[in-house]
N, C-alpha and C. Protein backbone atom coordinates (compact mmCIF):
# COMPACT_ATOMS: atom_id res chain seq x y z
N MET A 1 -10.38 52.63 3.53
CA MET A 1 -10.98 51.86 3.09
C MET A 1 -10.86 51.31 2.36
N LYS A 2 -10.34 51.22 1.45
CA LYS A 2 -9.63 50.23 0.29
C LYS A 2 -9.70 49.28 0.85
N LYS A 3 -7.84 49.83 1.76
CA LYS A 3 -7.48 48.66 2.41
C LYS A 3 -8.16 47.81 2.74
N LEU A 4 -9.37 47.82 3.57
CA LEU A 4 -10.57 47.23 4.27
C LEU A 4 -10.99 46.51 3.12
N GLY A 5 -10.84 47.03 2.27
CA GLY A 5 -11.53 46.48 1.10
C GLY A 5 -11.32 44.81 0.47
N GLY A 6 -10.30 45.56 0.19
CA GLY A 6 -9.01 44.31 -0.29
C GLY A 6 -8.66 42.94 0.76
N ILE A 7 -8.42 43.65 2.34
CA ILE A 7 -8.50 42.37 2.81
C ILE A 7 -9.05 41.33 3.35
N LEU A 8 -10.97 42.00 2.83
CA LEU A 8 -11.90 41.58 3.05
C LEU A 8 -12.17 40.36 1.73
N MET A 9 -11.45 40.98 0.45
CA MET A 9 -11.47 40.54 -0.62
C MET A 9 -10.54 38.88 -0.35
N LEU A 10 -9.82 39.21 0.01
CA LEU A 10 -8.75 38.32 -0.13
C LEU A 10 -8.78 37.32 1.17
N MET A 11 -9.02 37.74 2.23
CA MET A 11 -10.37 36.35 3.35
C MET A 11 -11.14 35.40 2.44
N ALA A 12 -11.87 36.29 1.65
CA ALA A 12 -13.16 35.46 1.41
C ALA A 12 -12.43 34.44 -0.01
N VAL A 13 -11.47 35.30 -0.79
CA VAL A 13 -10.87 34.13 -1.78
C VAL A 13 -10.47 33.10 -1.19
N THR A 14 -10.02 33.42 0.11
CA THR A 14 -8.69 32.07 1.08
C THR A 14 -9.57 31.51 1.46
N GLY A 15 -10.72 32.12 1.65
CA GLY A 15 -11.68 31.33 2.88
C GLY A 15 -12.45 30.28 1.28
N LEU A 16 -12.32 30.85 0.60
CA LEU A 16 -13.52 29.18 -0.57
C LEU A 16 -12.05 28.24 -1.26
N VAL A 17 -10.79 28.90 -1.37
CA VAL A 17 -9.70 28.05 -1.73
C VAL A 17 -9.38 27.31 -0.46
N SER A 18 -9.75 27.32 0.41
CA SER A 18 -9.03 26.67 1.54
C SER A 18 -9.96 25.05 1.57
N PRO A 19 -10.94 24.41 1.36
CA PRO A 19 -11.52 23.24 1.66
C PRO A 19 -11.56 22.51 0.04
N ALA A 20 -11.27 22.80 -0.36
CA ALA A 20 -10.60 22.40 -2.10
C ALA A 20 -9.43 22.17 -1.84
N PHE A 21 -9.00 22.88 -1.36
CA PHE A 21 -6.81 22.62 -0.84
C PHE A 21 -6.36 21.44 -0.77
N ALA A 22 -7.39 21.32 0.84
CA ALA A 22 -7.44 20.17 2.13
C ALA A 22 -8.15 19.07 1.37
N GLN A 23 -9.12 19.04 0.20
CA GLN A 23 -9.22 18.11 0.00
C GLN A 23 -8.78 17.20 -1.49
N VAL A 24 -7.78 18.43 -2.33
CA VAL A 24 -6.89 17.93 -2.80
C VAL A 24 -5.82 17.15 -2.25
N THR A 25 -5.58 17.49 -1.03
CA THR A 25 -4.13 17.15 -0.35
C THR A 25 -4.47 15.42 0.48
N LYS A 26 -5.53 15.65 0.71
CA LYS A 26 -5.98 14.53 1.49
C LYS A 26 -5.80 13.05 0.39
N GLU A 27 -6.67 13.97 -0.85
CA GLU A 27 -6.45 13.06 -2.29
C GLU A 27 -5.48 12.08 -2.26
N VAL A 28 -3.82 13.33 -2.75
CA VAL A 28 -3.23 13.46 -2.95
C VAL A 28 -2.31 12.43 -1.79
N LYS A 29 -2.21 12.52 -0.70
CA LYS A 29 -1.95 11.70 0.32
C LYS A 29 -2.33 10.15 0.25
N GLU A 30 -3.24 10.14 0.36
CA GLU A 30 -3.84 8.67 -0.03
C GLU A 30 -3.65 8.26 -1.73
N GLY A 31 -3.57 8.53 -2.69
CA GLY A 31 -2.98 8.60 -3.51
C GLY A 31 -1.75 7.54 -3.57
N ALA A 32 -0.83 8.59 -2.82
CA ALA A 32 0.45 8.26 -2.47
C ALA A 32 1.18 7.20 -1.94
N LYS A 33 -0.33 7.04 -0.66
CA LYS A 33 -0.09 5.26 0.48
C LYS A 33 -0.17 4.12 -0.73
N THR A 34 -1.04 4.64 -1.52
CA THR A 34 -1.58 3.34 -2.42
C THR A 34 -0.48 3.27 -3.40
N VAL A 35 0.16 4.18 -4.09
CA VAL A 35 1.28 3.79 -4.38
C VAL A 35 2.16 3.41 -4.06
N GLY A 36 2.80 3.66 -2.74
CA GLY A 36 3.94 2.92 -1.78
C GLY A 36 3.80 1.60 -1.65
N ASN A 37 2.26 1.62 -1.40
CA ASN A 37 1.70 -0.07 -1.06
C ASN A 37 2.28 -1.18 -2.05
N LYS A 38 1.60 -0.77 -3.08
CA LYS A 38 1.81 -1.57 -4.41
C LYS A 38 3.33 -1.78 -4.86
N ALA A 39 4.14 -0.46 -4.46
CA ALA A 39 5.69 -0.56 -4.97
C ALA A 39 6.38 -1.80 -4.02
N ALA A 40 5.60 -1.65 -2.46
CA ALA A 40 6.22 -2.51 -1.38
C ALA A 40 6.28 -3.79 -1.73
N GLU A 41 4.88 -4.68 -2.21
CA GLU A 41 4.05 -5.47 -2.67
C GLU A 41 5.07 -6.21 -3.89
N VAL A 42 5.21 -5.64 -4.35
CA VAL A 42 5.93 -5.47 -5.95
C VAL A 42 7.49 -6.20 -5.68
N GLY A 43 8.21 -5.35 -5.19
CA GLY A 43 9.70 -5.18 -4.47
C GLY A 43 9.79 -7.01 -3.46
N SER A 44 8.80 -6.69 -2.69
CA SER A 44 9.01 -8.19 -1.65
C SER A 44 8.36 -8.81 -2.25
N LYS A 45 7.75 -9.33 -3.40
CA LYS A 45 7.40 -10.23 -4.47
C LYS A 45 8.83 -10.81 -4.87
N ALA A 46 9.41 -9.89 -5.62
CA ALA A 46 10.58 -10.15 -6.56
C ALA A 46 11.63 -10.50 -5.72
N LYS A 47 12.25 -9.82 -4.60
CA LYS A 47 12.83 -10.33 -4.17
C LYS A 47 13.14 -11.73 -3.53
N SER A 48 11.58 -12.03 -3.22
CA SER A 48 11.21 -13.43 -2.75
C SER A 48 10.85 -14.62 -3.82
N ARG A 49 11.12 -14.03 -4.95
CA ARG A 49 11.44 -15.02 -6.02
C ARG A 49 12.71 -15.12 -5.79
N VAL A 50 13.49 -14.51 -5.73
CA VAL A 50 15.19 -14.49 -6.21
C VAL A 50 15.88 -15.26 -5.45
N THR A 51 15.09 -15.34 -3.77
CA THR A 51 16.03 -15.49 -2.75
C THR A 51 15.51 -16.59 -1.84
N ASP A 52 13.56 -17.14 -1.79
CA ASP A 52 13.60 -17.98 -1.75
C ASP A 52 12.64 -19.12 -2.79
N LYS A 53 11.99 -20.17 -1.78
CA LYS A 53 11.78 -20.94 -3.35
C LYS A 53 10.42 -20.98 -3.44
N VAL A 54 9.88 -21.14 -3.95
CA VAL A 54 8.28 -20.72 -4.33
C VAL A 54 7.39 -21.84 -4.44
N TYR A 55 6.67 -22.53 -3.79
CA TYR A 55 6.05 -23.68 -3.07
C TYR A 55 4.40 -23.73 -4.78
N ALA A 56 4.99 -25.08 -5.21
CA ALA A 56 4.73 -24.49 -6.51
C ALA A 56 3.34 -25.35 -6.90
N ASP A 57 3.19 -26.41 -5.81
CA ASP A 57 2.62 -27.10 -5.59
C ASP A 57 0.80 -26.83 -4.50
N LYS A 58 1.05 -26.01 -3.73
CA LYS A 58 0.51 -25.51 -3.02
C LYS A 58 0.00 -23.66 -2.92
N VAL A 59 -0.80 -23.67 -2.58
CA VAL A 59 -1.25 -21.54 -2.61
C VAL A 59 -1.77 -21.49 -1.22
N GLY A 60 -1.79 -20.48 -1.38
CA GLY A 60 -2.76 -20.21 0.41
C GLY A 60 -3.92 -20.07 -0.01
N PRO A 61 -4.20 -19.25 1.96
CA PRO A 61 -6.20 -19.45 1.78
C PRO A 61 -6.76 -18.75 0.68
N ASP A 62 -5.87 -17.74 0.31
CA ASP A 62 -7.44 -17.28 -0.70
C ASP A 62 -6.03 -17.48 -2.02
N GLY A 63 -5.87 -17.98 -2.21
CA GLY A 63 -4.76 -18.01 -3.95
C GLY A 63 -3.44 -17.76 -4.21
N GLN A 64 -3.39 -16.79 -2.82
CA GLN A 64 -2.06 -16.65 -2.77
C GLN A 64 -0.58 -17.07 -3.23
N THR A 65 0.36 -16.90 -3.59
CA THR A 65 1.19 -17.59 -3.99
C THR A 65 2.04 -17.82 -2.59
N ILE A 66 2.86 -18.96 -2.44
CA ILE A 66 3.89 -19.44 -1.27
C ILE A 66 5.08 -19.55 -1.55
N TYR A 67 5.79 -18.80 -0.86
CA TYR A 67 7.89 -19.20 -0.41
C TYR A 67 7.63 -19.58 0.57
N ILE A 68 9.53 -20.69 0.62
CA ILE A 68 9.39 -21.18 1.98
C ILE A 68 10.84 -20.17 2.53
N ASP A 69 11.35 -20.38 2.96
CA ASP A 69 12.27 -19.48 3.64
C ASP A 69 13.68 -20.45 3.46
N LYS A 70 14.64 -19.52 4.45
CA LYS A 70 15.93 -20.75 4.04
C LYS A 70 15.37 -21.27 5.37
N HIS A 71 14.59 -21.36 6.26
CA HIS A 71 14.47 -21.73 7.36
C HIS A 71 13.11 -22.65 7.22
N SER A 72 12.80 -23.81 6.50
CA SER A 72 11.98 -23.37 5.96
C SER A 72 10.37 -23.54 6.69
N LYS A 73 10.15 -22.42 6.76
CA LYS A 73 9.05 -21.77 6.97
C LYS A 73 8.61 -20.94 5.70
N TYR A 74 7.04 -21.49 6.21
CA TYR A 74 6.01 -20.96 4.65
C TYR A 74 5.51 -19.55 4.97
N TYR A 75 5.32 -18.61 3.76
CA TYR A 75 4.93 -17.58 3.98
C TYR A 75 4.24 -17.19 2.53
N TRP A 76 3.30 -15.77 2.81
CA TRP A 76 2.91 -15.35 1.07
C TRP A 76 3.00 -13.62 1.56
N ILE A 77 3.02 -12.94 0.56
CA ILE A 77 3.27 -11.22 1.41
C ILE A 77 2.01 -10.57 0.56
N ASP A 78 1.52 -9.80 1.07
CA ASP A 78 0.37 -8.80 1.71
C ASP A 78 0.79 -8.12 0.71
N GLU A 79 -0.40 -7.47 0.86
CA GLU A 79 -0.53 -6.23 -0.26
C GLU A 79 -0.08 -5.03 0.16
N LYS A 80 0.81 -4.74 1.19
CA LYS A 80 1.50 -3.91 1.69
C LYS A 80 2.73 -4.51 1.41
N GLY A 81 3.56 -5.50 1.34
CA GLY A 81 4.73 -6.20 1.12
C GLY A 81 4.94 -6.68 1.96
N ARG A 82 4.16 -7.20 3.08
CA ARG A 82 4.93 -7.93 3.97
C ARG A 82 4.95 -9.41 4.89
N LYS A 83 5.27 -10.09 4.33
CA LYS A 83 5.24 -11.07 5.07
C LYS A 83 4.22 -11.69 6.03
N LYS A 84 3.58 -12.44 5.61
CA LYS A 84 2.48 -12.67 6.42
C LYS A 84 2.82 -14.96 6.47
N TYR A 85 3.39 -15.11 7.84
CA TYR A 85 3.99 -16.80 7.73
C TYR A 85 2.61 -17.70 7.39
N ILE A 86 2.77 -18.66 7.69
CA ILE A 86 1.17 -19.48 7.73
C ILE A 86 1.86 -21.02 7.96
N ALA A 87 1.27 -21.61 8.58
CA ALA A 87 1.54 -23.36 9.15
C ALA A 87 1.07 -24.15 7.85
N ARG A 88 1.81 -25.21 7.90
CA ARG A 88 1.19 -26.33 6.14
C ARG A 88 0.58 -26.68 6.64
N THR A 89 0.03 -27.01 7.38
CA THR A 89 -1.40 -26.97 7.29
C THR A 89 -2.77 -26.63 6.76
N LEU A 90 -2.33 -24.85 6.68
CA LEU A 90 -3.10 -24.62 6.31
C LEU A 90 -2.79 -24.10 4.62
N LEU A 91 -2.12 -24.98 4.04
CA LEU A 91 -1.79 -24.55 2.69
C LEU A 91 -2.88 -25.28 2.04
N LYS A 92 -3.36 -25.01 0.69
CA LYS A 92 -4.38 -25.86 0.17
C LYS A 92 -3.90 -26.19 -1.70
N ASP A 93 -4.02 -27.49 -2.10
CA ASP A 93 -3.42 -27.82 -3.21
C ASP A 93 -4.04 -27.00 -4.69
N LYS A 94 -3.05 -26.42 -5.13
CA LYS A 94 -3.74 -26.06 -6.50
C LYS A 94 -4.55 -26.47 -7.30
């Protein structure tokens, strides 16, 4: 009887803790994804500043810094660190 009571108590405690653990795990994953995206963005921008030219007179549609690669293509870096190529006609004056 004591074993059955102990098993039931263990199941009750585990049942109460599991949803909280799942919620914490989800928050940790979301936080890790946010940090990873920001690190990718900062790294991509640093690499672009070193390897490509910054277009000083123009900005992107939402005020992004525009870079010019070795093939004379214009792009900006999004929040996930990816290059988004853009036509020269869509650029705005600073």
